[in-house]
Amino acid sequence: MTNPIIVAYAKGQLADFWGDSLALLDVIPVDMVVNAAIAAMAKHGCGVSELKVYNVTSSSHSNPMRVGELMDLSHQHLRDSPLEETVIDLERMKFHSSLEGFTSSFIEHNNKTGKSD
């Protein structure tokens, strides 16, 4: 679910994020998820009353990506190839470790852009 975050950031709707920029992401390509779902359906078929749980993960342990790294790469890409709807000079995303810091920055950003809650 990184796509909505990146698009909102690209459109200037999200300048700050409450979280740890060093947290690891587990980004899974959609084709892996679909292939796993098809394989599970083929193995179990219809009408099986027993609950089966499958976990699909990526290679985040051998090739980790951090949230801050994803947003830095997004920033670079969006500076070079902005969305057509982009009307701002895109700044790097700011990460906040506290709710108070995030809230005050969010309010300040909305006051600057003229947006209200």
N, C-alpha and C. Protein backbone atom coordinates (compact mmCIF):
# COMPACT_ATOMS: atom_id res chain seq x y z
N MET A 1 0.81 -1.20 0.00
CA MET A 1 0.00 0.00 0.00
C MET A 1 0.85 1.26 0.00
N THR A 2 2.00 1.19 -0.63
CA THR A 2 2.84 2.39 -0.70
C THR A 2 2.36 3.36 -1.78
N ASN A 3 1.64 2.85 -2.76
CA ASN A 3 1.21 3.68 -3.89
C ASN A 3 0.39 4.90 -3.48
N PRO A 4 -0.65 4.76 -2.65
CA PRO A 4 -1.42 5.95 -2.26
C PRO A 4 -0.59 6.98 -1.50
N ILE A 5 0.37 6.52 -0.73
CA ILE A 5 1.23 7.44 0.02
C ILE A 5 2.11 8.24 -0.94
N ILE A 6 2.69 7.55 -1.92
CA ILE A 6 3.57 8.21 -2.89
C ILE A 6 2.78 9.19 -3.76
N VAL A 7 1.58 8.81 -4.18
CA VAL A 7 0.76 9.69 -5.02
C VAL A 7 0.33 10.93 -4.23
N ALA A 8 -0.10 10.74 -2.98
CA ALA A 8 -0.49 11.89 -2.15
C ALA A 8 0.71 12.81 -1.92
N TYR A 9 1.87 12.23 -1.71
CA TYR A 9 3.10 13.02 -1.56
C TYR A 9 3.40 13.79 -2.84
N ALA A 10 3.26 13.13 -3.99
CA ALA A 10 3.54 13.77 -5.29
C ALA A 10 2.60 14.94 -5.56
N LYS A 11 1.38 14.85 -5.08
CA LYS A 11 0.39 15.92 -5.31
C LYS A 11 0.46 17.02 -4.26
N GLY A 12 1.38 16.88 -3.30
CA GLY A 12 1.50 17.89 -2.25
C GLY A 12 0.47 17.75 -1.16
N GLN A 13 -0.23 16.62 -1.10
CA GLN A 13 -1.26 16.40 -0.08
C GLN A 13 -0.68 15.81 1.19
N LEU A 14 0.55 15.31 1.12
CA LEU A 14 1.18 14.65 2.26
C LEU A 14 2.66 15.07 2.29
N ALA A 15 2.99 15.95 3.22
CA ALA A 15 4.38 16.42 3.31
C ALA A 15 5.11 15.81 4.49
N ASP A 16 4.35 15.28 5.43
CA ASP A 16 4.92 14.72 6.66
C ASP A 16 4.36 13.33 6.90
N PHE A 17 5.12 12.55 7.66
CA PHE A 17 4.69 11.18 7.96
C PHE A 17 5.04 10.87 9.40
N TRP A 18 4.10 10.27 10.11
CA TRP A 18 4.33 9.88 11.49
C TRP A 18 4.87 8.47 11.49
N GLY A 19 6.15 8.31 11.75
CA GLY A 19 6.76 6.99 11.74
C GLY A 19 8.27 7.08 11.70
N ASP A 20 8.88 5.92 11.68
CA ASP A 20 10.33 5.81 11.70
C ASP A 20 10.86 5.65 10.29
N SER A 21 11.68 6.59 9.85
CA SER A 21 12.22 6.52 8.48
C SER A 21 13.18 5.34 8.31
N LEU A 22 13.61 4.74 9.42
CA LEU A 22 14.52 3.59 9.35
C LEU A 22 13.79 2.25 9.40
N ALA A 23 12.45 2.28 9.50
CA ALA A 23 11.68 1.03 9.54
C ALA A 23 11.79 0.32 8.19
N LEU A 24 11.86 -1.01 8.26
CA LEU A 24 11.97 -1.81 7.04
C LEU A 24 10.62 -2.02 6.39
N LEU A 25 10.60 -2.00 5.07
CA LEU A 25 9.39 -2.28 4.29
C LEU A 25 9.44 -3.71 3.79
N ASP A 26 8.31 -4.30 3.61
CA ASP A 26 8.21 -5.60 2.96
C ASP A 26 7.32 -5.39 1.73
N VAL A 27 7.92 -4.90 0.67
CA VAL A 27 7.20 -4.61 -0.56
C VAL A 27 7.13 -5.89 -1.39
N ILE A 28 5.91 -6.29 -1.71
CA ILE A 28 5.70 -7.54 -2.44
C ILE A 28 5.07 -7.22 -3.79
N PRO A 29 5.74 -7.62 -4.88
CA PRO A 29 5.15 -7.39 -6.20
C PRO A 29 3.80 -8.08 -6.33
N VAL A 30 2.86 -7.41 -6.96
CA VAL A 30 1.50 -7.93 -7.06
C VAL A 30 1.45 -9.28 -7.76
N ASP A 31 2.34 -9.53 -8.71
CA ASP A 31 2.30 -10.82 -9.39
C ASP A 31 2.63 -11.97 -8.45
N MET A 32 3.47 -11.73 -7.43
CA MET A 32 3.75 -12.77 -6.44
C MET A 32 2.51 -13.08 -5.61
N VAL A 33 1.78 -12.06 -5.24
CA VAL A 33 0.56 -12.25 -4.45
C VAL A 33 -0.49 -13.00 -5.26
N VAL A 34 -0.68 -12.60 -6.51
CA VAL A 34 -1.66 -13.25 -7.38
C VAL A 34 -1.27 -14.71 -7.62
N ASN A 35 0.00 -14.97 -7.90
CA ASN A 35 0.45 -16.34 -8.12
C ASN A 35 0.22 -17.21 -6.89
N ALA A 36 0.47 -16.67 -5.71
CA ALA A 36 0.23 -17.43 -4.48
C ALA A 36 -1.26 -17.72 -4.29
N ALA A 37 -2.11 -16.75 -4.59
CA ALA A 37 -3.56 -16.95 -4.47
C ALA A 37 -4.04 -18.02 -5.45
N ILE A 38 -3.55 -17.99 -6.68
CA ILE A 38 -3.94 -19.00 -7.68
C ILE A 38 -3.45 -20.38 -7.26
N ALA A 39 -2.21 -20.46 -6.77
CA ALA A 39 -1.68 -21.75 -6.32
C ALA A 39 -2.49 -22.31 -5.15
N ALA A 40 -2.89 -21.46 -4.22
CA ALA A 40 -3.69 -21.91 -3.07
C ALA A 40 -5.07 -22.40 -3.53
N MET A 41 -5.67 -21.69 -4.50
CA MET A 41 -6.98 -22.12 -5.02
C MET A 41 -6.85 -23.45 -5.75
N ALA A 42 -5.77 -23.61 -6.53
CA ALA A 42 -5.58 -24.86 -7.27
C ALA A 42 -5.36 -26.03 -6.32
N LYS A 43 -4.66 -25.81 -5.23
CA LYS A 43 -4.37 -26.89 -4.28
C LYS A 43 -5.61 -27.29 -3.48
N HIS A 44 -6.41 -26.35 -3.08
CA HIS A 44 -7.51 -26.63 -2.17
C HIS A 44 -8.87 -26.65 -2.84
N GLY A 45 -9.00 -26.07 -4.00
CA GLY A 45 -10.28 -26.09 -4.71
C GLY A 45 -11.39 -25.40 -3.95
N CYS A 46 -12.61 -25.71 -4.35
CA CYS A 46 -13.79 -25.10 -3.72
C CYS A 46 -14.37 -26.04 -2.67
N GLY A 47 -15.07 -25.46 -1.75
CA GLY A 47 -15.82 -26.25 -0.78
C GLY A 47 -15.02 -26.77 0.39
N VAL A 48 -13.78 -26.39 0.56
CA VAL A 48 -12.97 -26.84 1.69
C VAL A 48 -13.34 -25.99 2.90
N SER A 49 -13.81 -26.66 3.95
CA SER A 49 -14.27 -25.92 5.13
C SER A 49 -13.12 -25.59 6.07
N GLU A 50 -11.99 -26.24 5.94
CA GLU A 50 -10.85 -25.99 6.81
C GLU A 50 -10.15 -24.69 6.40
N LEU A 51 -9.83 -23.87 7.39
CA LEU A 51 -9.17 -22.59 7.13
C LEU A 51 -7.69 -22.81 6.87
N LYS A 52 -7.21 -22.31 5.78
CA LYS A 52 -5.78 -22.36 5.44
C LYS A 52 -5.26 -20.93 5.40
N VAL A 53 -4.10 -20.69 5.96
CA VAL A 53 -3.50 -19.36 5.99
C VAL A 53 -2.15 -19.43 5.29
N TYR A 54 -1.94 -18.51 4.37
CA TYR A 54 -0.67 -18.43 3.64
C TYR A 54 -0.08 -17.05 3.85
N ASN A 55 1.22 -17.00 4.02
CA ASN A 55 1.94 -15.72 4.13
C ASN A 55 2.87 -15.60 2.93
N VAL A 56 2.76 -14.49 2.23
CA VAL A 56 3.63 -14.21 1.10
C VAL A 56 4.52 -13.05 1.51
N THR A 57 5.82 -13.27 1.46
CA THR A 57 6.76 -12.21 1.84
C THR A 57 7.79 -12.02 0.74
N SER A 58 8.51 -10.92 0.84
CA SER A 58 9.53 -10.62 -0.16
C SER A 58 10.91 -10.94 0.39
N SER A 59 11.89 -10.40 -0.24
CA SER A 59 13.28 -10.63 0.19
C SER A 59 13.78 -9.50 1.07
N SER A 60 12.92 -9.00 1.95
CA SER A 60 13.30 -7.82 2.74
C SER A 60 14.45 -8.10 3.69
N HIS A 61 14.68 -9.36 4.04
CA HIS A 61 15.79 -9.65 4.94
C HIS A 61 17.12 -9.66 4.19
N SER A 62 17.12 -10.12 2.95
CA SER A 62 18.37 -10.17 2.19
C SER A 62 18.61 -8.88 1.40
N ASN A 63 17.55 -8.14 1.11
CA ASN A 63 17.68 -6.90 0.34
C ASN A 63 16.74 -5.87 0.95
N PRO A 64 17.06 -5.38 2.17
CA PRO A 64 16.11 -4.51 2.87
C PRO A 64 15.98 -3.14 2.25
N MET A 65 14.76 -2.60 2.36
CA MET A 65 14.52 -1.22 1.97
C MET A 65 13.82 -0.54 3.14
N ARG A 66 14.27 0.64 3.44
CA ARG A 66 13.69 1.40 4.55
C ARG A 66 12.69 2.42 4.01
N VAL A 67 11.75 2.79 4.87
CA VAL A 67 10.70 3.74 4.48
C VAL A 67 11.31 5.04 3.97
N GLY A 68 12.29 5.56 4.69
CA GLY A 68 12.93 6.80 4.28
C GLY A 68 13.62 6.69 2.93
N GLU A 69 14.21 5.52 2.66
CA GLU A 69 14.87 5.29 1.37
C GLU A 69 13.85 5.30 0.24
N LEU A 70 12.69 4.65 0.47
CA LEU A 70 11.64 4.65 -0.55
C LEU A 70 11.17 6.07 -0.84
N MET A 71 10.98 6.87 0.20
CA MET A 71 10.51 8.23 -0.01
C MET A 71 11.59 9.11 -0.64
N ASP A 72 12.87 8.86 -0.34
CA ASP A 72 13.94 9.61 -1.00
C ASP A 72 13.99 9.27 -2.50
N LEU A 73 13.85 7.97 -2.82
CA LEU A 73 13.82 7.56 -4.23
C LEU A 73 12.59 8.15 -4.94
N SER A 74 11.46 8.17 -4.24
CA SER A 74 10.24 8.75 -4.80
C SER A 74 10.45 10.24 -5.06
N HIS A 75 11.08 10.92 -4.10
CA HIS A 75 11.36 12.35 -4.24
C HIS A 75 12.22 12.61 -5.47
N GLN A 76 13.30 11.84 -5.62
CA GLN A 76 14.18 12.00 -6.79
C GLN A 76 13.41 11.80 -8.09
N HIS A 77 12.63 10.73 -8.15
CA HIS A 77 11.88 10.42 -9.37
C HIS A 77 10.84 11.51 -9.68
N LEU A 78 10.13 11.94 -8.66
CA LEU A 78 9.07 12.94 -8.86
C LEU A 78 9.63 14.32 -9.17
N ARG A 79 10.85 14.61 -8.74
CA ARG A 79 11.48 15.88 -9.13
C ARG A 79 11.86 15.84 -10.61
N ASP A 80 12.32 14.66 -11.07
CA ASP A 80 12.71 14.51 -12.48
C ASP A 80 11.51 14.35 -13.41
N SER A 81 10.47 13.69 -12.91
CA SER A 81 9.28 13.41 -13.72
C SER A 81 8.03 13.68 -12.89
N PRO A 82 7.68 14.94 -12.67
CA PRO A 82 6.52 15.25 -11.81
C PRO A 82 5.20 14.83 -12.45
N LEU A 83 4.22 14.60 -11.60
CA LEU A 83 2.87 14.32 -12.09
C LEU A 83 2.33 15.58 -12.75
N GLU A 84 1.40 15.41 -13.67
CA GLU A 84 0.80 16.57 -14.33
C GLU A 84 0.07 17.47 -13.33
N GLU A 85 -0.48 16.85 -12.27
CA GLU A 85 -1.26 17.61 -11.28
C GLU A 85 -0.37 18.34 -10.27
N THR A 86 0.94 18.11 -10.29
CA THR A 86 1.83 18.69 -9.31
C THR A 86 1.96 20.19 -9.54
N VAL A 87 1.65 20.97 -8.51
CA VAL A 87 1.71 22.43 -8.63
C VAL A 87 2.64 23.04 -7.57
N ILE A 88 3.41 22.18 -6.90
CA ILE A 88 4.30 22.67 -5.85
C ILE A 88 5.73 22.25 -6.16
N ASP A 89 6.66 22.91 -5.50
CA ASP A 89 8.04 22.48 -5.54
C ASP A 89 8.19 21.42 -4.46
N LEU A 90 8.33 20.19 -4.85
CA LEU A 90 8.30 19.05 -3.93
C LEU A 90 9.51 19.06 -3.01
N GLU A 91 9.25 19.05 -1.71
CA GLU A 91 10.31 18.98 -0.71
C GLU A 91 10.41 17.55 -0.21
N ARG A 92 11.54 17.23 0.39
CA ARG A 92 11.70 15.89 0.98
C ARG A 92 10.66 15.70 2.08
N MET A 93 10.17 14.46 2.18
CA MET A 93 9.20 14.15 3.21
C MET A 93 9.86 14.21 4.59
N LYS A 94 9.14 14.77 5.54
CA LYS A 94 9.63 14.85 6.92
C LYS A 94 8.98 13.73 7.72
N PHE A 95 9.79 13.03 8.51
CA PHE A 95 9.29 11.97 9.38
C PHE A 95 9.29 12.46 10.82
N HIS A 96 8.24 12.11 11.56
CA HIS A 96 8.09 12.54 12.94
C HIS A 96 7.98 11.32 13.84
N SER A 97 8.70 11.37 14.96
CA SER A 97 8.66 10.24 15.90
C SER A 97 7.57 10.39 16.95
N SER A 98 6.97 11.58 17.03
CA SER A 98 5.91 11.79 18.02
C SER A 98 4.64 12.30 17.35
N LEU A 99 3.52 11.99 17.96
CA LEU A 99 2.24 12.47 17.45
C LEU A 99 2.16 13.99 17.53
N GLU A 100 2.71 14.55 18.60
CA GLU A 100 2.68 16.00 18.77
C GLU A 100 3.44 16.71 17.65
N GLY A 101 4.63 16.21 17.33
CA GLY A 101 5.41 16.81 16.25
C GLY A 101 4.71 16.69 14.91
N PHE A 102 4.13 15.53 14.66
CA PHE A 102 3.41 15.31 13.41
C PHE A 102 2.20 16.23 13.32
N THR A 103 1.42 16.31 14.40
CA THR A 103 0.20 17.14 14.40
C THR A 103 0.52 18.61 14.18
N SER A 104 1.52 19.13 14.87
CA SER A 104 1.84 20.55 14.71
C SER A 104 2.36 20.83 13.31
N SER A 105 3.14 19.93 12.75
CA SER A 105 3.64 20.12 11.38
C SER A 105 2.50 20.02 10.37
N PHE A 106 1.57 19.11 10.61
CA PHE A 106 0.40 18.95 9.74
C PHE A 106 -0.45 20.22 9.74
N ILE A 107 -0.69 20.77 10.92
CA ILE A 107 -1.49 22.00 11.04
C ILE A 107 -0.76 23.16 10.35
N GLU A 108 0.54 23.25 10.56
CA GLU A 108 1.33 24.32 9.92
C GLU A 108 1.28 24.19 8.40
N HIS A 109 1.40 22.97 7.89
CA HIS A 109 1.34 22.73 6.44
C HIS A 109 -0.03 23.14 5.89
N ASN A 110 -1.11 22.77 6.59
CA ASN A 110 -2.45 23.13 6.13
C ASN A 110 -2.68 24.63 6.18
N ASN A 111 -2.13 25.30 7.17
CA ASN A 111 -2.27 26.76 7.24
C ASN A 111 -1.54 27.43 6.09
N LYS A 112 -0.38 26.91 5.70
CA LYS A 112 0.40 27.46 4.58
C LYS A 112 -0.35 27.28 3.27
N THR A 113 -0.96 26.11 3.08
CA THR A 113 -1.62 25.80 1.81
C THR A 113 -3.06 26.26 1.78
N GLY A 114 -3.56 26.77 2.90
CA GLY A 114 -4.94 27.27 2.94
C GLY A 114 -5.97 26.17 3.07
N LYS A 115 -5.55 24.98 3.45
CA LYS A 115 -6.50 23.86 3.62
C LYS A 115 -6.96 23.83 5.06
N SER A 116 -8.21 23.45 5.25
CA SER A 116 -8.71 23.25 6.60
C SER A 116 -9.08 21.79 6.77
N ASP A 117 -9.31 21.38 8.02
CA ASP A 117 -9.63 19.99 8.27
C ASP A 117 -10.90 19.64 7.59
